[in-house]
Amino acid sequence: MSHDILSDVLRSVRLRGALFYYVSGGHDWVAEAPPSREIAAAVMPDAEHVMEYHVVTRGNCWGAIVGQAPVRLDTGDIVLFPHGDAHVISSAPGMRAASDASDYFEQKVDQLPFTLHYDAAEVRPEIVGEERCETTLVCGFLGCDVRPFNPLIATLPHLLHLKTTSKQDWIAHFMRQAVAESKDKRPGGEAMLERMSEMMFVDAVRRYVETLPQDSRGWLAGLRDRFVGRALALMHDAPATAWTVDDLGKRVGLSRSALHERFVEMIGQPPMQYLANWRMQVAAALLRDTKATVASIAQEVGYDSEAAFARAFKRRTGKPPAAWRMRVMPSRAASSTRVAAEAC
């Protein structure tokens, strides 16, 4: 598979990191996070979907989606909550704490990472001596778009736990850097940690794919399938091409019916439906990030008629292309203004 489909999707859905916490816990501690949709406006106001992650930099703890079985997290482990579920991080399994989304809106952070210390279910916004802390973590958020089409999020588990390995030396560097930034905040540190968190997520997804059983189903499993992965690569490489299942089958070495059946089994939708969805995602990125006309964008994603494209786009997003562009433009302008202000 020559086309890097995962990178293609991650660029299109605008993966980005934000808001860091450096957290320490005493002998008995617990922190509970509300669903990400309740705090998204505070932590990542320009993101459609928010995920939270935790990297254990010292000691061990337990992580769980509220109401589900916990997993033990050791030094160097990463736990992500790709679907934004309410979750608990604690010194022992089965612990709970009050969860208040308003806390996220009330915090005033001049420079990140923001430091917190938990002990006996109480939280204080400062770090105590590390010799008194049994566990330390780096916690952060990742944002991305989910509309019109994001095939990645749906295929990830609700809790993604990745054990540390000897190959993950750069993760260890990330943790050390986050600790250093929490103690000695320097210009550019926040942006650096944001980029590193994005790299961490991509690496986590790749490692997750490597652990999938051979009989797995879903978009990520489809990427590594000999036939489905090649068909996906062809569509991503040239979304404007008037592909048919016959054309794709000939290119990947399967009959029309065999490719259709295999694609539906792996991806959960027919090839032509996937192509239509991906075209809308490409079009949305062009509407958001360029000044190209709707007519030229329609041609770039394979529509001869602007009217046909507009109808298809509205079916997928609920808005015609021009209206959708106007909706996303204010958030893009606000984001640019904020970046410019931070640079001053």
C-alpha atoms as a PDB file:
ATOM      1  CA  MET A   1       0.000   0.000   0.000  1.00  0.00           C
ATOM      2  CA  SER A   2       1.844   3.035  -1.280  1.00  0.00           C
ATOM      3  CA  HIS A   3      -0.683   5.653  -0.161  1.00  0.00           C
ATOM      4  CA  ASP A   4      -0.485   6.603   3.517  1.00  0.00           C
ATOM      5  CA  ILE A   5      -4.221   6.553   4.216  1.00  0.00           C
ATOM      6  CA  LEU A   6      -3.915   7.091   7.975  1.00  0.00           C
ATOM      7  CA  SER A   7      -1.908  10.292   7.475  1.00  0.00           C
ATOM      8  CA  ASP A   8      -4.402  11.330   4.801  1.00  0.00           C
ATOM      9  CA  VAL A   9      -7.294  11.060   7.243  1.00  0.00           C
ATOM     10  CA  LEU A  10      -5.448  12.658  10.164  1.00  0.00           C
ATOM     11  CA  ARG A  11      -4.585  15.692   8.039  1.00  0.00           C
ATOM     12  CA  SER A  12      -8.128  15.957   6.740  1.00  0.00           C
ATOM     13  CA  VAL A  13      -9.788  15.795  10.173  1.00  0.00           C
ATOM     14  CA  ARG A  14      -7.318  18.316  11.645  1.00  0.00           C
ATOM     15  CA  LEU A  15      -5.870  16.341  14.537  1.00  0.00           C
ATOM     16  CA  ARG A  16      -4.460  18.757  17.117  1.00  0.00           C
ATOM     17  CA  GLY A  17      -3.398  18.792  20.740  1.00  0.00           C
ATOM     18  CA  ALA A  18      -4.242  21.259  23.495  1.00  0.00           C
ATOM     19  CA  LEU A  19      -4.367  21.969  27.233  1.00  0.00           C
ATOM     20  CA  PHE A  20      -1.947  19.991  29.336  1.00  0.00           C
ATOM     21  CA  TYR A  21      -2.026  18.975  32.959  1.00  0.00           C
ATOM     22  CA  TYR A  22       0.882  17.678  34.967  1.00  0.00           C
ATOM     23  CA  VAL A  23      -0.783  15.645  37.705  1.00  0.00           C
ATOM     24  CA  SER A  24       0.585  14.083  40.886  1.00  0.00           C
ATOM     25  CA  GLY A  25      -1.200  11.798  43.306  1.00  0.00           C
ATOM     26  CA  GLY A  26      -0.578  10.936  46.944  1.00  0.00           C
ATOM     27  CA  HIS A  27      -1.326   7.705  48.779  1.00  0.00           C
ATOM     28  CA  ASP A  28      -5.090   7.667  48.177  1.00  0.00           C
ATOM     29  CA  TRP A  29      -6.340   9.764  45.318  1.00  0.00           C
ATOM     30  CA  VAL A  30      -8.939   9.794  42.589  1.00  0.00           C
ATOM     31  CA  ALA A  31      -9.831  12.113  39.708  1.00  0.00           C
ATOM     32  CA  GLU A  32     -12.976  11.771  37.630  1.00  0.00           C
ATOM     33  CA  ALA A  33     -13.467  13.446  34.257  1.00  0.00           C
ATOM     34  CA  PRO A  34     -16.890  14.184  32.744  1.00  0.00           C
ATOM     35  CA  PRO A  35     -17.710  13.255  29.132  1.00  0.00           C
ATOM     36  CA  SER A  36     -15.579  15.339  26.788  1.00  0.00           C
ATOM     37  CA  ARG A  37     -18.634  16.865  25.108  1.00  0.00           C
ATOM     38  CA  GLU A  38     -19.391  18.655  28.404  1.00  0.00           C
ATOM     39  CA  ILE A  39     -15.971  20.318  28.588  1.00  0.00           C
ATOM     40  CA  ALA A  40     -15.059  20.667  24.908  1.00  0.00           C
ATOM     41  CA  ALA A  41     -16.031  24.336  24.822  1.00  0.00           C
ATOM     42  CA  ALA A  42     -13.556  25.031  27.635  1.00  0.00           C
ATOM     43  CA  VAL A  43     -10.577  22.908  26.622  1.00  0.00           C
ATOM     44  CA  MET A  44     -10.807  22.968  22.800  1.00  0.00           C
ATOM     45  CA  PRO A  45     -13.532  25.377  21.670  1.00  0.00           C
ATOM     46  CA  ASP A  46     -12.783  24.971  17.947  1.00  0.00           C
ATOM     47  CA  ALA A  47     -12.817  21.140  17.932  1.00  0.00           C
ATOM     48  CA  GLU A  48     -15.834  19.056  16.947  1.00  0.00           C
ATOM     49  CA  HIS A  49     -14.609  16.057  18.927  1.00  0.00           C
ATOM     50  CA  VAL A  50     -12.328  15.945  21.975  1.00  0.00           C
ATOM     51  CA  MET A  51     -10.351  12.992  23.333  1.00  0.00           C
ATOM     52  CA  GLU A  52      -8.456  12.843  26.610  1.00  0.00           C
ATOM     53  CA  TYR A  53      -5.261  10.913  27.293  1.00  0.00           C
ATOM     54  CA  HIS A  54      -2.993  10.175  30.255  1.00  0.00           C
ATOM     55  CA  VAL A  55       0.667   9.116  30.269  1.00  0.00           C
ATOM     56  CA  VAL A  56       2.033   7.690  33.514  1.00  0.00           C
ATOM     57  CA  THR A  57       5.424   9.272  34.174  1.00  0.00           C
ATOM     58  CA  ARG A  58       6.012   7.718  37.581  1.00  0.00           C
ATOM     59  CA  GLY A  59       4.434   4.972  39.697  1.00  0.00           C
ATOM     60  CA  ASN A  60       1.202   3.223  38.806  1.00  0.00           C
ATOM     61  CA  CYS A  61      -2.537   3.809  38.972  1.00  0.00           C
ATOM     62  CA  TRP A  62      -5.831   2.576  37.561  1.00  0.00           C
ATOM     63  CA  GLY A  63      -7.918   3.913  34.684  1.00  0.00           C
ATOM     64  CA  ALA A  64     -11.501   3.097  33.781  1.00  0.00           C
ATOM     65  CA  ILE A  65     -14.519   4.303  31.877  1.00  0.00           C
ATOM     66  CA  VAL A  66     -17.181   5.063  34.460  1.00  0.00           C
ATOM     67  CA  GLY A  67     -19.122   1.876  35.162  1.00  0.00           C
ATOM     68  CA  GLN A  68     -16.630  -0.445  33.475  1.00  0.00           C
ATOM     69  CA  ALA A  69     -13.739  -2.605  34.642  1.00  0.00           C
ATOM     70  CA  PRO A  70     -10.479  -0.712  35.340  1.00  0.00           C
ATOM     71  CA  VAL A  71      -7.053  -1.372  33.837  1.00  0.00           C
ATOM     72  CA  ARG A  72      -3.757  -1.057  35.689  1.00  0.00           C
ATOM     73  CA  LEU A  73      -1.423   1.619  34.359  1.00  0.00           C
ATOM     74  CA  ASP A  74       2.311   1.402  35.015  1.00  0.00           C
ATOM     75  CA  THR A  75       5.145   3.846  34.394  1.00  0.00           C
ATOM     76  CA  GLY A  76       5.330   4.636  30.690  1.00  0.00           C
ATOM     77  CA  ASP A  77       1.827   3.363  29.907  1.00  0.00           C
ATOM     78  CA  ILE A  78      -0.619   5.428  27.863  1.00  0.00           C
ATOM     79  CA  VAL A  79      -4.391   5.366  28.171  1.00  0.00           C
ATOM     80  CA  LEU A  80      -6.632   7.190  25.708  1.00  0.00           C
ATOM     81  CA  PHE A  81     -10.390   7.671  25.606  1.00  0.00           C
ATOM     82  CA  PRO A  82     -11.031   8.136  21.860  1.00  0.00           C
ATOM     83  CA  HIS A  83     -14.807   8.494  22.205  1.00  0.00           C
ATOM     84  CA  GLY A  84     -14.644  11.046  25.012  1.00  0.00           C
ATOM     85  CA  ASP A  85     -16.228   8.840  27.691  1.00  0.00           C
ATOM     86  CA  ALA A  86     -16.452   9.930  31.310  1.00  0.00           C
ATOM     87  CA  HIS A  87     -13.616   8.177  33.122  1.00  0.00           C
ATOM     88  CA  VAL A  88     -11.761   7.754  36.392  1.00  0.00           C
ATOM     89  CA  ILE A  89      -8.037   7.724  37.157  1.00  0.00           C
ATOM     90  CA  SER A  90      -7.219   6.586  40.694  1.00  0.00           C
ATOM     91  CA  SER A  91      -4.681   5.034  43.032  1.00  0.00           C
ATOM     92  CA  ALA A  92      -6.802   1.900  43.445  1.00  0.00           C
ATOM     93  CA  PRO A  93      -9.560   0.233  41.423  1.00  0.00           C
ATOM     94  CA  GLY A  94     -13.192   1.018  42.173  1.00  0.00           C
ATOM     95  CA  MET A  95     -12.705   4.559  43.477  1.00  0.00           C
ATOM     96  CA  ARG A  96     -15.031   7.410  42.459  1.00  0.00           C
ATOM     97  CA  ALA A  97     -14.986  11.175  42.842  1.00  0.00           C
ATOM     98  CA  ALA A  98     -17.312  14.074  42.152  1.00  0.00           C
ATOM     99  CA  SER A  99     -17.197  15.184  38.540  1.00  0.00           C
ATOM    100  CA  ASP A 100     -17.993  18.809  37.795  1.00  0.00           C
ATOM    101  CA  ALA A 101     -17.616  20.155  34.265  1.00  0.00           C
ATOM    102  CA  SER A 102     -17.712  23.732  35.571  1.00  0.00           C
ATOM    103  CA  ASP A 103     -14.229  23.249  37.032  1.00  0.00           C
ATOM    104  CA  TYR A 104     -12.774  23.231  33.523  1.00  0.00           C
ATOM    105  CA  PHE A 105     -14.467  26.502  32.608  1.00  0.00           C
ATOM    106  CA  GLU A 106     -13.358  28.252  35.813  1.00  0.00           C
ATOM    107  CA  GLN A 107      -9.654  27.436  35.554  1.00  0.00           C
ATOM    108  CA  LYS A 108      -7.474  30.323  34.438  1.00  0.00           C
ATOM    109  CA  VAL A 109      -4.256  29.048  32.931  1.00  0.00           C
ATOM    110  CA  ASP A 110      -1.653  31.632  31.939  1.00  0.00           C
ATOM    111  CA  GLN A 111       0.829  29.119  30.630  1.00  0.00           C
ATOM    112  CA  LEU A 112       0.645  25.370  30.301  1.00  0.00           C
ATOM    113  CA  PRO A 113       1.107  22.722  31.521  1.00  0.00           C
ATOM    114  CA  PHE A 114      -1.212  23.352  34.450  1.00  0.00           C
ATOM    115  CA  THR A 115      -0.177  21.475  37.591  1.00  0.00           C
ATOM    116  CA  LEU A 116      -2.511  19.607  39.943  1.00  0.00           C
ATOM    117  CA  HIS A 117      -2.033  17.479  43.032  1.00  0.00           C
ATOM    118  CA  TYR A 118      -4.584  14.935  44.266  1.00  0.00           C
ATOM    119  CA  ASP A 119      -4.612  13.412  47.735  1.00  0.00           C
ATOM    120  CA  ALA A 120      -7.446  11.761  49.672  1.00  0.00           C
ATOM    121  CA  ALA A 121      -9.882  12.738  46.884  1.00  0.00           C
ATOM    122  CA  GLU A 122      -8.974  16.420  47.228  1.00  0.00           C
ATOM    123  CA  VAL A 123      -7.360  18.490  44.504  1.00  0.00           C
ATOM    124  CA  ARG A 124      -5.060  21.468  44.883  1.00  0.00           C
ATOM    125  CA  PRO A 125      -3.711  23.525  41.951  1.00  0.00           C
ATOM    126  CA  GLU A 126      -0.074  23.197  42.871  1.00  0.00           C
ATOM    127  CA  ILE A 127       2.638  20.591  42.948  1.00  0.00           C
ATOM    128  CA  VAL A 128       3.995  19.356  46.255  1.00  0.00           C
ATOM    129  CA  GLY A 129       7.392  17.787  46.681  1.00  0.00           C
ATOM    130  CA  GLU A 130       7.717  14.793  44.378  1.00  0.00           C
ATOM    131  CA  GLU A 131       9.060  12.687  47.210  1.00  0.00           C
ATOM    132  CA  ARG A 132       5.554  12.798  48.684  1.00  0.00           C
ATOM    133  CA  CYS A 133       3.895  11.717  45.423  1.00  0.00           C
ATOM    134  CA  GLU A 134       3.471   8.050  44.580  1.00  0.00           C
ATOM    135  CA  THR A 135       2.222   8.672  41.035  1.00  0.00           C
ATOM    136  CA  THR A 136       2.661  11.381  38.423  1.00  0.00           C
ATOM    137  CA  LEU A 137       0.964  11.703  35.053  1.00  0.00           C
ATOM    138  CA  VAL A 138       0.912  13.930  31.999  1.00  0.00           C
ATOM    139  CA  CYS A 139      -2.672  14.506  30.887  1.00  0.00           C
ATOM    140  CA  GLY A 140      -3.919  16.280  27.811  1.00  0.00           C
ATOM    141  CA  PHE A 141      -6.562  16.611  25.149  1.00  0.00           C
ATOM    142  CA  LEU A 142      -6.665  15.916  21.435  1.00  0.00           C
ATOM    143  CA  GLY A 143      -9.218  17.395  19.093  1.00  0.00           C
ATOM    144  CA  CYS A 144     -10.363  16.503  15.594  1.00  0.00           C
ATOM    145  CA  ASP A 145     -13.249  16.913  13.172  1.00  0.00           C
ATOM    146  CA  VAL A 146     -15.850  14.177  12.881  1.00  0.00           C
ATOM    147  CA  ARG A 147     -17.956  15.658  10.079  1.00  0.00           C
ATOM    148  CA  PRO A 148     -18.574  15.093   7.286  1.00  0.00           C
ATOM    149  CA  PHE A 149     -16.583  11.836   7.532  1.00  0.00           C
ATOM    150  CA  ASN A 150     -14.029  10.529   9.994  1.00  0.00           C
ATOM    151  CA  PRO A 151     -13.592   6.757   9.618  1.00  0.00           C
ATOM    152  CA  LEU A 152     -10.880   6.561  12.293  1.00  0.00           C
ATOM    153  CA  ILE A 153     -12.708   7.445  15.521  1.00  0.00           C
ATOM    154  CA  ALA A 154     -15.511   4.928  15.026  1.00  0.00           C
ATOM    155  CA  THR A 155     -13.035   2.070  14.643  1.00  0.00           C
ATOM    156  CA  LEU A 156     -11.088   2.819  17.844  1.00  0.00           C
ATOM    157  CA  PRO A 157     -12.048   1.220  21.184  1.00  0.00           C
ATOM    158  CA  HIS A 158     -13.596   3.360  23.919  1.00  0.00           C
ATOM    159  CA  LEU A 159     -10.510   2.782  26.091  1.00  0.00           C
ATOM    160  CA  LEU A 160      -7.144   2.339  24.402  1.00  0.00           C
ATOM    161  CA  HIS A 161      -4.424   1.108  26.774  1.00  0.00           C
ATOM    162  CA  LEU A 162      -0.878   0.837  25.449  1.00  0.00           C
ATOM    163  CA  LYS A 163       1.813  -0.723  27.580  1.00  0.00           C
ATOM    164  CA  THR A 164       5.272   0.785  27.556  1.00  0.00           C
ATOM    165  CA  THR A 165       7.874  -0.916  25.391  1.00  0.00           C
ATOM    166  CA  SER A 166      11.613  -0.620  25.058  1.00  0.00           C
ATOM    167  CA  LYS A 167      11.114   0.823  21.562  1.00  0.00           C
ATOM    168  CA  GLN A 168       9.194   3.860  22.811  1.00  0.00           C
ATOM    169  CA  ASP A 169      12.216   5.959  23.815  1.00  0.00           C
ATOM    170  CA  TRP A 170      10.680   9.139  22.403  1.00  0.00           C
ATOM    171  CA  ILE A 171       7.631   8.682  24.670  1.00  0.00           C
ATOM    172  CA  ALA A 172       9.996   8.686  27.634  1.00  0.00           C
ATOM    173  CA  HIS A 173      11.512  11.908  26.302  1.00  0.00           C
ATOM    174  CA  PHE A 174       8.011  13.368  25.965  1.00  0.00           C
ATOM    175  CA  MET A 175       7.320  12.570  29.595  1.00  0.00           C
ATOM    176  CA  ARG A 176      10.591  14.064  30.780  1.00  0.00           C
ATOM    177  CA  GLN A 177       9.972  17.189  28.723  1.00  0.00           C
ATOM    178  CA  ALA A 178       6.461  17.595  30.113  1.00  0.00           C
ATOM    179  CA  VAL A 179       7.811  17.328  33.652  1.00  0.00           C
ATOM    180  CA  ALA A 180      10.493  19.908  32.876  1.00  0.00           C
ATOM    181  CA  GLU A 181       7.965  22.284  31.339  1.00  0.00           C
ATOM    182  CA  SER A 182       5.732  22.007  34.413  1.00  0.00           C
ATOM    183  CA  LYS A 183       8.610  23.164  36.632  1.00  0.00           C
ATOM    184  CA  ASP A 184      10.300  25.711  34.380  1.00  0.00           C
ATOM    185  CA  LYS A 185       7.835  27.131  31.877  1.00  0.00           C
ATOM    186  CA  ARG A 186       9.586  28.498  28.794  1.00  0.00           C
ATOM    187  CA  PRO A 187       8.353  30.210  25.632  1.00  0.00           C
ATOM    188  CA  GLY A 188       7.241  27.683  23.029  1.00  0.00           C
ATOM    189  CA  GLY A 189       6.862  24.864  25.525  1.00  0.00           C
ATOM    190  CA  GLU A 190       3.093  24.629  25.137  1.00  0.00           C
ATOM    191  CA  ALA A 191       3.279  24.401  21.336  1.00  0.00           C
ATOM    192  CA  MET A 192       6.015  21.775  21.552  1.00  0.00           C
ATOM    193  CA  LEU A 193       3.967  19.600  23.898  1.00  0.00           C
ATOM    194  CA  GLU A 194       0.944  19.955  21.624  1.00  0.00           C
ATOM    195  CA  ARG A 195       2.885  18.633  18.635  1.00  0.00           C
ATOM    196  CA  MET A 196       4.341  15.813  20.706  1.00  0.00           C
ATOM    197  CA  SER A 197       0.884  14.800  21.904  1.00  0.00           C
ATOM    198  CA  GLU A 198      -0.266  14.564  18.290  1.00  0.00           C
ATOM    199  CA  MET A 199       2.733  12.358  17.512  1.00  0.00           C
ATOM    200  CA  MET A 200       1.897  10.240  20.537  1.00  0.00           C
ATOM    201  CA  PHE A 201      -1.654   9.705  19.280  1.00  0.00           C
ATOM    202  CA  VAL A 202      -0.504   8.668  15.814  1.00  0.00           C
ATOM    203  CA  ASP A 203       2.009   6.276  17.337  1.00  0.00           C
ATOM    204  CA  ALA A 204      -0.679   4.880  19.648  1.00  0.00           C
ATOM    205  CA  VAL A 205      -2.977   4.201  16.696  1.00  0.00           C
ATOM    206  CA  ARG A 206      -0.198   2.467  14.784  1.00  0.00           C
ATOM    207  CA  ARG A 207       0.637   0.310  17.775  1.00  0.00           C
ATOM    208  CA  TYR A 208      -3.024  -0.549  18.211  1.00  0.00           C
ATOM    209  CA  VAL A 209      -3.228  -1.668  14.574  1.00  0.00           C
ATOM    210  CA  GLU A 210      -0.220  -3.928  15.131  1.00  0.00           C
ATOM    211  CA  THR A 211      -2.026  -5.686  17.994  1.00  0.00           C
ATOM    212  CA  LEU A 212      -5.265  -6.346  16.096  1.00  0.00           C
ATOM    213  CA  PRO A 213      -6.001 -10.050  15.563  1.00  0.00           C
ATOM    214  CA  GLN A 214      -5.914 -11.270  11.977  1.00  0.00           C
ATOM    215  CA  ASP A 215      -9.693 -11.730  11.898  1.00  0.00           C
ATOM    216  CA  SER A 216     -10.401  -8.140  13.055  1.00  0.00           C
ATOM    217  CA  ARG A 217     -12.920  -5.980  11.269  1.00  0.00           C
ATOM    218  CA  GLY A 218     -13.146  -2.199  10.921  1.00  0.00           C
ATOM    219  CA  TRP A 219     -11.470   0.621   9.043  1.00  0.00           C
ATOM    220  CA  LEU A 220      -8.068   0.171  10.661  1.00  0.00           C
ATOM    221  CA  ALA A 221      -8.113  -3.559   9.990  1.00  0.00           C
ATOM    222  CA  GLY A 222      -9.085  -2.774   6.406  1.00  0.00           C
ATOM    223  CA  LEU A 223      -5.960  -0.651   5.956  1.00  0.00           C
ATOM    224  CA  ARG A 224      -3.733  -3.681   6.348  1.00  0.00           C
ATOM    225  CA  ASP A 225      -5.905  -6.045   4.303  1.00  0.00           C
ATOM    226  CA  ARG A 226      -4.235  -6.936   1.010  1.00  0.00           C
ATOM    227  CA  PHE A 227      -7.272  -6.182  -1.141  1.00  0.00           C
ATOM    228  CA  VAL A 228      -9.340  -3.711   0.856  1.00  0.00           C
ATOM    229  CA  GLY A 229      -6.260  -1.661   1.769  1.00  0.00           C
ATOM    230  CA  ARG A 230      -5.303  -1.364  -1.885  1.00  0.00           C
ATOM    231  CA  ALA A 231      -8.845  -0.325  -2.856  1.00  0.00           C
ATOM    232  CA  LEU A 232      -8.828   2.312  -0.118  1.00  0.00           C
ATOM    233  CA  ALA A 233      -5.467   3.594  -1.318  1.00  0.00           C
ATOM    234  CA  LEU A 234      -6.743   3.954  -4.873  1.00  0.00           C
ATOM    235  CA  MET A 235      -9.777   5.951  -3.762  1.00  0.00           C
ATOM    236  CA  HIS A 236      -7.755   8.179  -1.452  1.00  0.00           C
ATOM    237  CA  ASP A 237      -5.096   8.758  -4.078  1.00  0.00           C
ATOM    238  CA  ALA A 238      -7.611   9.840  -6.727  1.00  0.00           C
ATOM    239  CA  PRO A 239     -11.022  10.628  -5.191  1.00  0.00           C
ATOM    240  CA  ALA A 240     -12.151  12.500  -8.307  1.00  0.00           C
ATOM    241  CA  THR A 241     -11.759   9.423 -10.511  1.00  0.00           C
ATOM    242  CA  ALA A 242     -15.067   7.883 -11.632  1.00  0.00           C
ATOM    243  CA  TRP A 243     -14.310   4.623  -9.872  1.00  0.00           C
ATOM    244  CA  THR A 244     -16.601   1.622 -10.150  1.00  0.00           C
ATOM    245  CA  VAL A 245     -16.384  -1.578  -8.144  1.00  0.00           C
ATOM    246  CA  ASP A 246     -15.372  -3.318 -11.397  1.00  0.00           C
ATOM    247  CA  ASP A 247     -12.479  -0.876 -11.877  1.00  0.00           C
ATOM    248  CA  LEU A 248     -11.303  -1.271  -8.286  1.00  0.00           C
ATOM    249  CA  GLY A 249     -11.623  -5.052  -8.454  1.00  0.00           C
ATOM    250  CA  LYS A 250      -9.467  -5.231 -11.554  1.00  0.00           C
ATOM    251  CA  ARG A 251      -6.814  -3.036  -9.955  1.00  0.00           C
ATOM    252  CA  VAL A 252      -6.637  -5.044  -6.723  1.00  0.00           C
ATOM    253  CA  GLY A 253      -7.039  -8.506  -8.233  1.00  0.00           C
ATOM    254  CA  LEU A 254     -10.566  -9.480  -7.154  1.00  0.00           C
ATOM    255  CA  SER A 255     -13.863  -9.894  -8.936  1.00  0.00           C
ATOM    256  CA  ARG A 256     -16.488  -7.186  -8.520  1.00  0.00           C
ATOM    257  CA  SER A 257     -18.617  -9.303  -6.179  1.00  0.00           C
ATOM    258  CA  ALA A 258     -15.655 -10.553  -4.147  1.00  0.00           C
ATOM    259  CA  LEU A 259     -14.308  -7.051  -3.551  1.00  0.00           C
ATOM    260  CA  HIS A 260     -17.766  -5.699  -2.654  1.00  0.00           C
ATOM    261  CA  GLU A 261     -18.330  -8.498  -0.143  1.00  0.00           C
ATOM    262  CA  ARG A 262     -14.853  -8.217   1.375  1.00  0.00           C
ATOM    263  CA  PHE A 263     -15.054  -4.417   1.602  1.00  0.00           C
ATOM    264  CA  VAL A 264     -18.448  -4.455   3.322  1.00  0.00           C
ATOM    265  CA  GLU A 265     -17.259  -7.148   5.714  1.00  0.00           C
ATOM    266  CA  MET A 266     -14.143  -5.171   6.658  1.00  0.00           C
ATOM    267  CA  ILE A 267     -15.284  -1.532   6.481  1.00  0.00           C
ATOM    268  CA  GLY A 268     -19.012  -1.870   7.144  1.00  0.00           C
ATOM    269  CA  GLN A 269     -20.137  -0.066   3.978  1.00  0.00           C
ATOM    270  CA  PRO A 270     -19.874  -0.651   0.204  1.00  0.00           C
ATOM    271  CA  PRO A 271     -16.893   0.788  -1.696  1.00  0.00           C
ATOM    272  CA  MET A 272     -18.958   3.381  -3.558  1.00  0.00           C
ATOM    273  CA  GLN A 273     -20.541   4.631  -0.337  1.00  0.00           C
ATOM    274  CA  TYR A 274     -17.089   4.982   1.202  1.00  0.00           C
ATOM    275  CA  LEU A 275     -15.890   6.880  -1.869  1.00  0.00           C
ATOM    276  CA  ALA A 276     -18.860   9.266  -1.663  1.00  0.00           C
ATOM    277  CA  ASN A 277     -18.202   9.883   2.034  1.00  0.00           C
ATOM    278  CA  TRP A 278     -14.498  10.488   1.497  1.00  0.00           C
ATOM    279  CA  ARG A 279     -15.201  12.901  -1.349  1.00  0.00           C
ATOM    280  CA  MET A 280     -17.357  14.945   1.032  1.00  0.00           C
ATOM    281  CA  GLN A 281     -14.551  15.011   3.602  1.00  0.00           C
ATOM    282  CA  VAL A 282     -12.055  16.204   0.985  1.00  0.00           C
ATOM    283  CA  ALA A 283     -14.550  18.828  -0.166  1.00  0.00           C
ATOM    284  CA  ALA A 284     -15.125  20.017   3.411  1.00  0.00           C
ATOM    285  CA  ALA A 285     -11.392  20.514   3.911  1.00  0.00           C
ATOM    286  CA  LEU A 286     -11.186  22.529   0.688  1.00  0.00           C
ATOM    287  CA  LEU A 287     -14.170  24.655   1.690  1.00  0.00           C
ATOM    288  CA  ARG A 288     -12.649  25.299   5.093  1.00  0.00           C
ATOM    289  CA  ASP A 289      -9.018  25.841   4.158  1.00  0.00           C
ATOM    290  CA  THR A 290      -9.095  27.425   0.701  1.00  0.00           C
ATOM    291  CA  LYS A 291     -10.890  30.156  -1.202  1.00  0.00           C
ATOM    292  CA  ALA A 292     -11.706  27.861  -4.101  1.00  0.00           C
ATOM    293  CA  THR A 293     -15.164  28.237  -5.595  1.00  0.00           C
ATOM    294  CA  VAL A 294     -17.817  25.616  -4.940  1.00  0.00           C
ATOM    295  CA  ALA A 295     -17.815  24.781  -8.648  1.00  0.00           C
ATOM    296  CA  SER A 296     -14.054  24.094  -8.708  1.00  0.00           C
ATOM    297  CA  ILE A 297     -14.257  22.024  -5.525  1.00  0.00           C
ATOM    298  CA  ALA A 298     -17.080  20.000  -7.063  1.00  0.00           C
ATOM    299  CA  GLN A 299     -14.833  19.126  -9.992  1.00  0.00           C
ATOM    300  CA  GLU A 300     -11.876  18.364  -7.737  1.00  0.00           C
ATOM    301  CA  VAL A 301     -13.850  15.679  -5.885  1.00  0.00           C
ATOM    302  CA  GLY A 302     -15.368  14.108  -8.985  1.00  0.00           C
ATOM    303  CA  TYR A 303     -18.626  15.943  -9.693  1.00  0.00           C
ATOM    304  CA  ASP A 304     -19.323  17.324 -13.173  1.00  0.00           C
ATOM    305  CA  SER A 305     -22.284  19.308 -11.859  1.00  0.00           C
ATOM    306  CA  GLU A 306     -22.091  21.881  -9.068  1.00  0.00           C
ATOM    307  CA  ALA A 307     -25.762  21.262  -8.336  1.00  0.00           C
ATOM    308  CA  ALA A 308     -25.227  17.498  -7.952  1.00  0.00           C
ATOM    309  CA  PHE A 309     -22.299  18.130  -5.625  1.00  0.00           C
ATOM    310  CA  ALA A 310     -24.312  20.603  -3.544  1.00  0.00           C
ATOM    311  CA  ARG A 311     -27.132  18.088  -3.121  1.00  0.00           C
ATOM    312  CA  ALA A 312     -24.720  15.330  -2.103  1.00  0.00           C
ATOM    313  CA  PHE A 313     -22.905  17.612   0.329  1.00  0.00           C
ATOM    314  CA  LYS A 314     -26.154  18.744   1.946  1.00  0.00           C
ATOM    315  CA  ARG A 315     -27.290  15.136   2.366  1.00  0.00           C
ATOM    316  CA  ARG A 316     -24.084  14.360   4.263  1.00  0.00           C
ATOM    317  CA  THR A 317     -23.729  17.546   6.341  1.00  0.00           C
ATOM    318  CA  GLY A 318     -27.224  19.013   6.534  1.00  0.00           C
ATOM    319  CA  LYS A 319     -26.062  22.256   4.871  1.00  0.00           C
ATOM    320  CA  PRO A 320     -25.243  23.293   1.313  1.00  0.00           C
ATOM    321  CA  PRO A 321     -21.522  23.939   0.660  1.00  0.00           C
ATOM    322  CA  ALA A 322     -21.695  27.743   0.857  1.00  0.00           C
ATOM    323  CA  ALA A 323     -23.660  27.695   4.117  1.00  0.00           C
ATOM    324  CA  TRP A 324     -21.313  25.093   5.606  1.00  0.00           C
ATOM    325  CA  ARG A 325     -18.317  27.253   4.680  1.00  0.00           C
ATOM    326  CA  MET A 326     -19.878  30.274   6.383  1.00  0.00           C
ATOM    327  CA  ARG A 327     -20.478  28.212   9.521  1.00  0.00           C
ATOM    328  CA  VAL A 328     -16.870  27.065   9.853  1.00  0.00           C
ATOM    329  CA  MET A 329     -15.290  30.367   8.827  1.00  0.00           C
ATOM    330  CA  PRO A 330     -15.934  32.170  12.178  1.00  0.00           C
ATOM    331  CA  SER A 331     -14.218  29.436  14.185  1.00  0.00           C
ATOM    332  CA  ARG A 332     -11.284  29.430  11.780  1.00  0.00           C
ATOM    333  CA  ALA A 333     -10.972  33.214  12.031  1.00  0.00           C
ATOM    334  CA  ALA A 334     -11.192  33.092  15.825  1.00  0.00           C
ATOM    335  CA  SER A 335      -8.513  30.410  15.934  1.00  0.00           C
ATOM    336  CA  SER A 336      -6.212  32.492  13.715  1.00  0.00           C
ATOM    337  CA  THR A 337      -6.787  35.564  15.875  1.00  0.00           C
ATOM    338  CA  ARG A 338      -5.953  33.612  19.006  1.00  0.00           C
ATOM    339  CA  VAL A 339      -2.727  32.236  17.503  1.00  0.00           C
ATOM    340  CA  ALA A 340      -1.698  35.743  16.411  1.00  0.00           C
ATOM    341  CA  ALA A 341      -2.425  37.166  19.851  1.00  0.00           C
ATOM    342  CA  GLU A 342      -0.401  34.437  21.556  1.00  0.00           C
ATOM    343  CA  ALA A 343       2.532  35.197  19.285  1.00  0.00           C
ATOM    344  CA  CYS A 344       2.595  38.877  20.327  1.00  0.00           C
END
